[in-house]
Amino acid sequence: MPDKKEPESSDEGELVNLSQLAAELGVTRQWLHTLRTKDPAFPASRRRPGSTREFWDLGEARAYYRARELRPGERTDLKPPSAEQ
């Protein structure tokens, strides 16, 4: 069952789960999971005492996402077919 709770506030700022973070940034949960496992600069998650659920500071995550280096791939569908002889 998806978690539809509103983001919570704490001393660190607004804390959100991965689904909420994906919705705020306009990306998929899968993409965020890829970023958090492959990019050491991805903001660290926080856990409340006695909980196994991870939360992220929304402000930190937004700042990270805006500042990260974009590396778009090369589109191959626009290139003409190579001439094979």
PDB file of N, CA and C in Angstrom:
ATOM      1  N   MET A   1       0.840  -1.174   0.000  1.00  0.00           N
ATOM      2  CA  MET A   1       0.000   0.000   0.000  1.00  0.00           C
ATOM      3  C   MET A   1       0.887   1.239   0.000  1.00  0.00           C
ATOM      4  N   PRO A   2       0.745   2.122  -0.978  1.00  0.00           N
ATOM      5  CA  PRO A   2       1.598   3.297  -1.061  1.00  0.00           C
ATOM      6  C   PRO A   2       1.384   4.234   0.120  1.00  0.00           C
ATOM      7  N   ASP A   3       2.445   4.909   0.476  1.00  0.00           N
ATOM      8  CA  ASP A   3       2.395   5.862   1.571  1.00  0.00           C
ATOM      9  C   ASP A   3       1.986   7.219   1.020  1.00  0.00           C
ATOM     10  N   LYS A   4       0.804   7.685   1.387  1.00  0.00           N
ATOM     11  CA  LYS A   4       0.286   8.956   0.878  1.00  0.00           C
ATOM     12  C   LYS A   4       0.319  10.048   1.940  1.00  0.00           C
ATOM     13  N   LYS A   5       1.104   9.848   3.003  1.00  0.00           N
ATOM     14  CA  LYS A   5       1.170  10.838   4.066  1.00  0.00           C
ATOM     15  C   LYS A   5       1.851  12.097   3.567  1.00  0.00           C
ATOM     16  N   GLU A   6       1.513  13.204   4.182  1.00  0.00           N
ATOM     17  CA  GLU A   6       2.130  14.477   3.858  1.00  0.00           C
ATOM     18  C   GLU A   6       3.570  14.487   4.359  1.00  0.00           C
ATOM     19  N   PRO A   7       4.445  15.244   3.723  1.00  0.00           N
ATOM     20  CA  PRO A   7       5.813  15.358   4.213  1.00  0.00           C
ATOM     21  C   PRO A   7       5.834  15.897   5.635  1.00  0.00           C
ATOM     22  N   GLU A   8       6.769  15.411   6.426  1.00  0.00           N
ATOM     23  CA  GLU A   8       6.879  15.845   7.801  1.00  0.00           C
ATOM     24  C   GLU A   8       8.005  16.854   7.934  1.00  0.00           C
ATOM     25  N   SER A   9       7.888  17.713   8.946  1.00  0.00           N
ATOM     26  CA  SER A   9       8.939  18.688   9.205  1.00  0.00           C
ATOM     27  C   SER A   9       9.722  18.280  10.436  1.00  0.00           C
ATOM     28  N   SER A  10      10.977  18.650  10.469  1.00  0.00           N
ATOM     29  CA  SER A  10      11.824  18.384  11.620  1.00  0.00           C
ATOM     30  C   SER A  10      12.810  19.527  11.731  1.00  0.00           C
ATOM     31  N   ASP A  11      13.762  19.375  12.647  1.00  0.00           N
ATOM     32  CA  ASP A  11      14.798  20.399  12.795  1.00  0.00           C
ATOM     33  C   ASP A  11      15.635  20.513  11.530  1.00  0.00           C
ATOM     34  N   GLU A  12      15.775  19.413  10.788  1.00  0.00           N
ATOM     35  CA  GLU A  12      16.592  19.414   9.578  1.00  0.00           C
ATOM     36  C   GLU A  12      15.858  20.044   8.404  1.00  0.00           C
ATOM     37  N   GLY A  13      14.555  20.110   8.443  1.00  0.00           N
ATOM     38  CA  GLY A  13      13.770  20.618   7.333  1.00  0.00           C
ATOM     39  C   GLY A  13      12.638  19.655   7.044  1.00  0.00           C
ATOM     40  N   GLU A  14      12.124  19.711   5.853  1.00  0.00           N
ATOM     41  CA  GLU A  14      11.011  18.854   5.461  1.00  0.00           C
ATOM     42  C   GLU A  14      11.540  17.479   5.064  1.00  0.00           C
ATOM     43  N   LEU A  15      11.105  16.441   5.768  1.00  0.00           N
ATOM     44  CA  LEU A  15      11.549  15.086   5.475  1.00  0.00           C
ATOM     45  C   LEU A  15      10.508  14.361   4.634  1.00  0.00           C
ATOM     46  N   VAL A  16      10.967  13.690   3.572  1.00  0.00           N
ATOM     47  CA  VAL A  16      10.067  12.968   2.674  1.00  0.00           C
ATOM     48  C   VAL A  16      10.631  11.580   2.396  1.00  0.00           C
ATOM     49  N   ASN A  17       9.742  10.638   2.065  1.00  0.00           N
ATOM     50  CA  ASN A  17      10.219   9.304   1.696  1.00  0.00           C
ATOM     51  C   ASN A  17      10.590   9.310   0.215  1.00  0.00           C
ATOM     52  N   LEU A  18      11.069   8.193  -0.288  1.00  0.00           N
ATOM     53  CA  LEU A  18      11.560   8.131  -1.664  1.00  0.00           C
ATOM     54  C   LEU A  18      10.458   8.406  -2.687  1.00  0.00           C
ATOM     55  N   SER A  19       9.254   7.896  -2.434  1.00  0.00           N
ATOM     56  CA  SER A  19       8.141   8.143  -3.364  1.00  0.00           C
ATOM     57  C   SER A  19       7.783   9.617  -3.414  1.00  0.00           C
ATOM     58  N   GLN A  20       7.734  10.249  -2.261  1.00  0.00           N
ATOM     59  CA  GLN A  20       7.415  11.679  -2.209  1.00  0.00           C
ATOM     60  C   GLN A  20       8.522  12.503  -2.857  1.00  0.00           C
ATOM     61  N   LEU A  21       9.762  12.100  -2.625  1.00  0.00           N
ATOM     62  CA  LEU A  21      10.893  12.807  -3.218  1.00  0.00           C
ATOM     63  C   LEU A  21      10.844  12.714  -4.745  1.00  0.00           C
ATOM     64  N   ALA A  22      10.542  11.538  -5.256  1.00  0.00           N
ATOM     65  CA  ALA A  22      10.436  11.363  -6.710  1.00  0.00           C
ATOM     66  C   ALA A  22       9.347  12.263  -7.285  1.00  0.00           C
ATOM     67  N   ALA A  23       8.216  12.335  -6.607  1.00  0.00           N
ATOM     68  CA  ALA A  23       7.116  13.187  -7.074  1.00  0.00           C
ATOM     69  C   ALA A  23       7.522  14.663  -7.051  1.00  0.00           C
ATOM     70  N   GLU A  24       8.214  15.084  -6.007  1.00  0.00           N
ATOM     71  CA  GLU A  24       8.649  16.480  -5.896  1.00  0.00           C
ATOM     72  C   GLU A  24       9.640  16.860  -6.994  1.00  0.00           C
ATOM     73  N   LEU A  25      10.534  15.930  -7.347  1.00  0.00           N
ATOM     74  CA  LEU A  25      11.554  16.217  -8.360  1.00  0.00           C
ATOM     75  C   LEU A  25      11.083  15.909  -9.777  1.00  0.00           C
ATOM     76  N   GLY A  26       9.951  15.236  -9.905  1.00  0.00           N
ATOM     77  CA  GLY A  26       9.420  14.913 -11.230  1.00  0.00           C
ATOM     78  C   GLY A  26      10.165  13.784 -11.916  1.00  0.00           C
ATOM     79  N   VAL A  27      10.663  12.823 -11.128  1.00  0.00           N
ATOM     80  CA  VAL A  27      11.383  11.671 -11.667  1.00  0.00           C
ATOM     81  C   VAL A  27      10.785  10.403 -11.074  1.00  0.00           C
ATOM     82  N   THR A  28      11.290   9.252 -11.496  1.00  0.00           N
ATOM     83  CA  THR A  28      10.779   7.991 -10.966  1.00  0.00           C
ATOM     84  C   THR A  28      11.571   7.565  -9.735  1.00  0.00           C
ATOM     85  N   ARG A  29      10.965   6.708  -8.934  1.00  0.00           N
ATOM     86  CA  ARG A  29      11.649   6.135  -7.772  1.00  0.00           C
ATOM     87  C   ARG A  29      12.867   5.329  -8.222  1.00  0.00           C
ATOM     88  N   GLN A  30      12.719   4.648  -9.351  1.00  0.00           N
ATOM     89  CA  GLN A  30      13.816   3.834  -9.858  1.00  0.00           C
ATOM     90  C   GLN A  30      15.034   4.695 -10.195  1.00  0.00           C
ATOM     91  N   TRP A  31      14.794   5.868 -10.789  1.00  0.00           N
ATOM     92  CA  TRP A  31      15.894   6.762 -11.123  1.00  0.00           C
ATOM     93  C   TRP A  31      16.578   7.261  -9.856  1.00  0.00           C
ATOM     94  N   LEU A  32      15.796   7.619  -8.841  1.00  0.00           N
ATOM     95  CA  LEU A  32      16.385   8.061  -7.580  1.00  0.00           C
ATOM     96  C   LEU A  32      17.185   6.937  -6.927  1.00  0.00           C
ATOM     97  N   HIS A  33      16.671   5.722  -7.005  1.00  0.00           N
ATOM     98  CA  HIS A  33      17.400   4.595  -6.436  1.00  0.00           C
ATOM     99  C   HIS A  33      18.743   4.421  -7.147  1.00  0.00           C
ATOM    100  N   THR A  34      18.754   4.551  -8.462  1.00  0.00           N
ATOM    101  CA  THR A  34      19.994   4.462  -9.218  1.00  0.00           C
ATOM    102  C   THR A  34      20.964   5.555  -8.792  1.00  0.00           C
ATOM    103  N   LEU A  35      20.466   6.780  -8.670  1.00  0.00           N
ATOM    104  CA  LEU A  35      21.330   7.879  -8.251  1.00  0.00           C
ATOM    105  C   LEU A  35      21.896   7.644  -6.859  1.00  0.00           C
ATOM    106  N   ARG A  36      21.059   7.213  -5.934  1.00  0.00           N
ATOM    107  CA  ARG A  36      21.530   7.069  -4.549  1.00  0.00           C
ATOM    108  C   ARG A  36      22.506   5.917  -4.383  1.00  0.00           C
ATOM    109  N   THR A  37      22.443   4.913  -5.261  1.00  0.00           N
ATOM    110  CA  THR A  37      23.391   3.813  -5.137  1.00  0.00           C
ATOM    111  C   THR A  37      24.685   4.059  -5.908  1.00  0.00           C
ATOM    112  N   LYS A  38      24.640   4.913  -6.941  1.00  0.00           N
ATOM    113  CA  LYS A  38      25.825   5.116  -7.777  1.00  0.00           C
ATOM    114  C   LYS A  38      26.538   6.448  -7.547  1.00  0.00           C
ATOM    115  N   ASP A  39      25.861   7.417  -6.964  1.00  0.00           N
ATOM    116  CA  ASP A  39      26.464   8.736  -6.784  1.00  0.00           C
ATOM    117  C   ASP A  39      26.708   8.996  -5.301  1.00  0.00           C
ATOM    118  N   PRO A  40      27.970   9.034  -4.889  1.00  0.00           N
ATOM    119  CA  PRO A  40      28.250   9.266  -3.467  1.00  0.00           C
ATOM    120  C   PRO A  40      27.836  10.652  -2.977  1.00  0.00           C
ATOM    121  N   ALA A  41      27.567  11.581  -3.889  1.00  0.00           N
ATOM    122  CA  ALA A  41      27.141  12.924  -3.497  1.00  0.00           C
ATOM    123  C   ALA A  41      25.651  12.999  -3.164  1.00  0.00           C
ATOM    124  N   PHE A  42      24.914  11.915  -3.438  1.00  0.00           N
ATOM    125  CA  PHE A  42      23.476  11.918  -3.139  1.00  0.00           C
ATOM    126  C   PHE A  42      23.294  12.109  -1.632  1.00  0.00           C
ATOM    127  N   PRO A  43      22.355  12.965  -1.228  1.00  0.00           N
ATOM    128  CA  PRO A  43      22.188  13.237   0.208  1.00  0.00           C
ATOM    129  C   PRO A  43      21.899  11.960   1.004  1.00  0.00           C
ATOM    130  N   ALA A  44      22.454  11.913   2.199  1.00  0.00           N
ATOM    131  CA  ALA A  44      22.249  10.755   3.071  1.00  0.00           C
ATOM    132  C   ALA A  44      20.818  10.731   3.590  1.00  0.00           C
ATOM    133  N   SER A  45      20.311   9.529   3.786  1.00  0.00           N
ATOM    134  CA  SER A  45      18.964   9.395   4.344  1.00  0.00           C
ATOM    135  C   SER A  45      19.038   9.492   5.857  1.00  0.00           C
ATOM    136  N   ARG A  46      17.880   9.712   6.442  1.00  0.00           N
ATOM    137  CA  ARG A  46      17.770   9.787   7.897  1.00  0.00           C
ATOM    138  C   ARG A  46      16.730   8.780   8.350  1.00  0.00           C
ATOM    139  N   ARG A  47      16.938   8.263   9.542  1.00  0.00           N
ATOM    140  CA  ARG A  47      15.967   7.332  10.125  1.00  0.00           C
ATOM    141  C   ARG A  47      15.598   7.824  11.509  1.00  0.00           C
ATOM    142  N   ARG A  48      14.341   7.654  11.828  1.00  0.00           N
ATOM    143  CA  ARG A  48      13.903   7.985  13.182  1.00  0.00           C
ATOM    144  C   ARG A  48      14.275   6.849  14.116  1.00  0.00           C
ATOM    145  N   PRO A  49      14.505   7.142  15.379  1.00  0.00           N
ATOM    146  CA  PRO A  49      14.854   6.076  16.326  1.00  0.00           C
ATOM    147  C   PRO A  49      13.794   4.971  16.333  1.00  0.00           C
ATOM    148  N   GLY A  50      14.232   3.736  16.216  1.00  0.00           N
ATOM    149  CA  GLY A  50      13.336   2.592  16.234  1.00  0.00           C
ATOM    150  C   GLY A  50      12.634   2.309  14.919  1.00  0.00           C
ATOM    151  N   SER A  51      12.984   3.034  13.865  1.00  0.00           N
ATOM    152  CA  SER A  51      12.336   2.857  12.565  1.00  0.00           C
ATOM    153  C   SER A  51      13.349   2.381  11.531  1.00  0.00           C
ATOM    154  N   THR A  52      12.873   1.645  10.557  1.00  0.00           N
ATOM    155  CA  THR A  52      13.725   1.217   9.447  1.00  0.00           C
ATOM    156  C   THR A  52      13.445   2.023   8.184  1.00  0.00           C
ATOM    157  N   ARG A  53      12.481   2.928   8.239  1.00  0.00           N
ATOM    158  CA  ARG A  53      12.122   3.740   7.075  1.00  0.00           C
ATOM    159  C   ARG A  53      13.110   4.869   6.877  1.00  0.00           C
ATOM    160  N   GLU A  54      13.457   5.085   5.621  1.00  0.00           N
ATOM    161  CA  GLU A  54      14.399   6.145   5.290  1.00  0.00           C
ATOM    162  C   GLU A  54      13.648   7.391   4.822  1.00  0.00           C
ATOM    163  N   PHE A  55      14.173   8.542   5.211  1.00  0.00           N
ATOM    164  CA  PHE A  55      13.620   9.829   4.809  1.00  0.00           C
ATOM    165  C   PHE A  55      14.769  10.716   4.353  1.00  0.00           C
ATOM    166  N   TRP A  56      14.469  11.657   3.464  1.00  0.00           N
ATOM    167  CA  TRP A  56      15.463  12.597   2.965  1.00  0.00           C
ATOM    168  C   TRP A  56      14.984  14.006   3.219  1.00  0.00           C
ATOM    169  N   ASP A  57      15.931  14.888   3.482  1.00  0.00           N
ATOM    170  CA  ASP A  57      15.628  16.308   3.638  1.00  0.00           C
ATOM    171  C   ASP A  57      15.326  16.852   2.243  1.00  0.00           C
ATOM    172  N   LEU A  58      14.148  17.392   2.065  1.00  0.00           N
ATOM    173  CA  LEU A  58      13.705  17.849   0.750  1.00  0.00           C
ATOM    174  C   LEU A  58      14.599  18.963   0.214  1.00  0.00           C
ATOM    175  N   GLY A  59      14.990  19.901   1.064  1.00  0.00           N
ATOM    176  CA  GLY A  59      15.859  20.997   0.628  1.00  0.00           C
ATOM    177  C   GLY A  59      17.211  20.499   0.150  1.00  0.00           C
ATOM    178  N   GLU A  60      17.809  19.566   0.883  1.00  0.00           N
ATOM    179  CA  GLU A  60      19.097  18.996   0.481  1.00  0.00           C
ATOM    180  C   GLU A  60      18.979  18.256  -0.847  1.00  0.00           C
ATOM    181  N   ALA A  61      17.912  17.488  -0.993  1.00  0.00           N
ATOM    182  CA  ALA A  61      17.723  16.709  -2.215  1.00  0.00           C
ATOM    183  C   ALA A  61      17.500  17.616  -3.423  1.00  0.00           C
ATOM    184  N   ARG A  62      16.731  18.672  -3.238  1.00  0.00           N
ATOM    185  CA  ARG A  62      16.520  19.617  -4.349  1.00  0.00           C
ATOM    186  C   ARG A  62      17.834  20.280  -4.751  1.00  0.00           C
ATOM    187  N   ALA A  63      18.622  20.699  -3.765  1.00  0.00           N
ATOM    188  CA  ALA A  63      19.902  21.346  -4.049  1.00  0.00           C
ATOM    189  C   ALA A  63      20.834  20.372  -4.787  1.00  0.00           C
ATOM    190  N   TYR A  64      20.883  19.118  -4.345  1.00  0.00           N
ATOM    191  CA  TYR A  64      21.712  18.114  -5.017  1.00  0.00           C
ATOM    192  C   TYR A  64      21.256  17.937  -6.463  1.00  0.00           C
ATOM    193  N   TYR A  65      19.944  17.794  -6.669  1.00  0.00           N
ATOM    194  CA  TYR A  65      19.436  17.495  -8.003  1.00  0.00           C
ATOM    195  C   TYR A  65      19.683  18.653  -8.974  1.00  0.00           C
ATOM    196  N   ARG A  66      19.567  19.887  -8.481  1.00  0.00           N
ATOM    197  CA  ARG A  66      19.826  21.050  -9.346  1.00  0.00           C
ATOM    198  C   ARG A  66      21.306  21.176  -9.681  1.00  0.00           C
ATOM    199  N   ALA A  67      22.183  20.798  -8.754  1.00  0.00           N
ATOM    200  CA  ALA A  67      23.617  21.016  -8.927  1.00  0.00           C
ATOM    201  C   ALA A  67      24.347  19.868  -9.613  1.00  0.00           C
ATOM    202  N   ARG A  68      23.696  18.721  -9.781  1.00  0.00           N
ATOM    203  CA  ARG A  68      24.423  17.575 -10.315  1.00  0.00           C
ATOM    204  C   ARG A  68      24.787  17.792 -11.791  1.00  0.00           C
ATOM    205  N   GLU A  69      25.861  17.154 -12.206  1.00  0.00           N
ATOM    206  CA  GLU A  69      26.338  17.272 -13.578  1.00  0.00           C
ATOM    207  C   GLU A  69      25.479  16.405 -14.493  1.00  0.00           C
ATOM    208  N   LEU A  70      24.940  17.022 -15.532  1.00  0.00           N
ATOM    209  CA  LEU A  70      24.122  16.280 -16.488  1.00  0.00           C
ATOM    210  C   LEU A  70      25.030  15.675 -17.543  1.00  0.00           C
ATOM    211  N   ARG A  71      24.786  14.432 -17.853  1.00  0.00           N
ATOM    212  CA  ARG A  71      25.578  13.735 -18.866  1.00  0.00           C
ATOM    213  C   ARG A  71      24.633  13.051 -19.845  1.00  0.00           C
ATOM    214  N   PRO A  72      24.011  13.830 -20.723  1.00  0.00           N
ATOM    215  CA  PRO A  72      23.076  13.214 -21.656  1.00  0.00           C
ATOM    216  C   PRO A  72      23.775  12.283 -22.637  1.00  0.00           C
ATOM    217  N   GLY A  73      23.053  11.264 -23.020  1.00  0.00           N
ATOM    218  CA  GLY A  73      23.594  10.316 -23.992  1.00  0.00           C
ATOM    219  C   GLY A  73      23.492  10.862 -25.405  1.00  0.00           C
ATOM    220  N   GLU A  74      24.182  10.225 -26.302  1.00  0.00           N
ATOM    221  CA  GLU A  74      24.154  10.619 -27.696  1.00  0.00           C
ATOM    222  C   GLU A  74      22.984   9.931 -28.372  1.00  0.00           C
ATOM    223  N   ARG A  75      22.160  10.683 -29.096  1.00  0.00           N
ATOM    224  CA  ARG A  75      21.020  10.105 -29.796  1.00  0.00           C
ATOM    225  C   ARG A  75      21.497   9.436 -31.070  1.00  0.00           C
ATOM    226  N   THR A  76      21.226   8.168 -31.176  1.00  0.00           N
ATOM    227  CA  THR A  76      21.623   7.436 -32.368  1.00  0.00           C
ATOM    228  C   THR A  76      20.493   7.335 -33.380  1.00  0.00           C
ATOM    229  N   ASP A  77      19.280   7.658 -32.970  1.00  0.00           N
ATOM    230  CA  ASP A  77      18.153   7.544 -33.892  1.00  0.00           C
ATOM    231  C   ASP A  77      18.116   8.674 -34.907  1.00  0.00           C
ATOM    232  N   LEU A  78      18.897   9.725 -34.708  1.00  0.00           N
ATOM    233  CA  LEU A  78      18.909  10.852 -35.632  1.00  0.00           C
ATOM    234  C   LEU A  78      20.043  10.775 -36.652  1.00  0.00           C
ATOM    235  N   LYS A  79      20.955   9.843 -36.449  1.00  0.00           N
ATOM    236  CA  LYS A  79      22.086   9.708 -37.373  1.00  0.00           C
ATOM    237  C   LYS A  79      21.665   8.918 -38.604  1.00  0.00           C
ATOM    238  N   PRO A  80      22.202   9.327 -39.755  1.00  0.00           N
ATOM    239  CA  PRO A  80      21.890   8.530 -40.956  1.00  0.00           C
ATOM    240  C   PRO A  80      22.598   7.188 -40.862  1.00  0.00           C
ATOM    241  N   PRO A  81      22.017   6.163 -41.458  1.00  0.00           N
ATOM    242  CA  PRO A  81      22.673   4.846 -41.434  1.00  0.00           C
ATOM    243  C   PRO A  81      24.039   4.923 -42.084  1.00  0.00           C
ATOM    244  N   SER A  82      24.995   4.210 -41.526  1.00  0.00           N
ATOM    245  CA  SER A  82      26.332   4.229 -42.103  1.00  0.00           C
ATOM    246  C   SER A  82      26.328   3.457 -43.424  1.00  0.00           C
ATOM    247  N   ALA A  83      27.161   3.931 -44.319  1.00  0.00           N
ATOM    248  CA  ALA A  83      27.234   3.300 -45.643  1.00  0.00           C
ATOM    249  C   ALA A  83      28.146   2.076 -45.523  1.00  0.00           C
ATOM    250  N   GLU A  84      27.555   0.908 -45.635  1.00  0.00           N
ATOM    251  CA  GLU A  84      28.329  -0.339 -45.567  1.00  0.00           C
ATOM    252  C   GLU A  84      28.659  -0.784 -46.985  1.00  0.00           C
ATOM    253  N   GLN A  85      29.903  -1.148 -47.217  1.00  0.00           N
ATOM    254  CA  GLN A  85      30.318  -1.583 -48.547  1.00  0.00           C
ATOM    255  C   GLN A  85      30.938  -2.934 -48.489  1.00  0.00           C
TER     256      GLN A  85
END
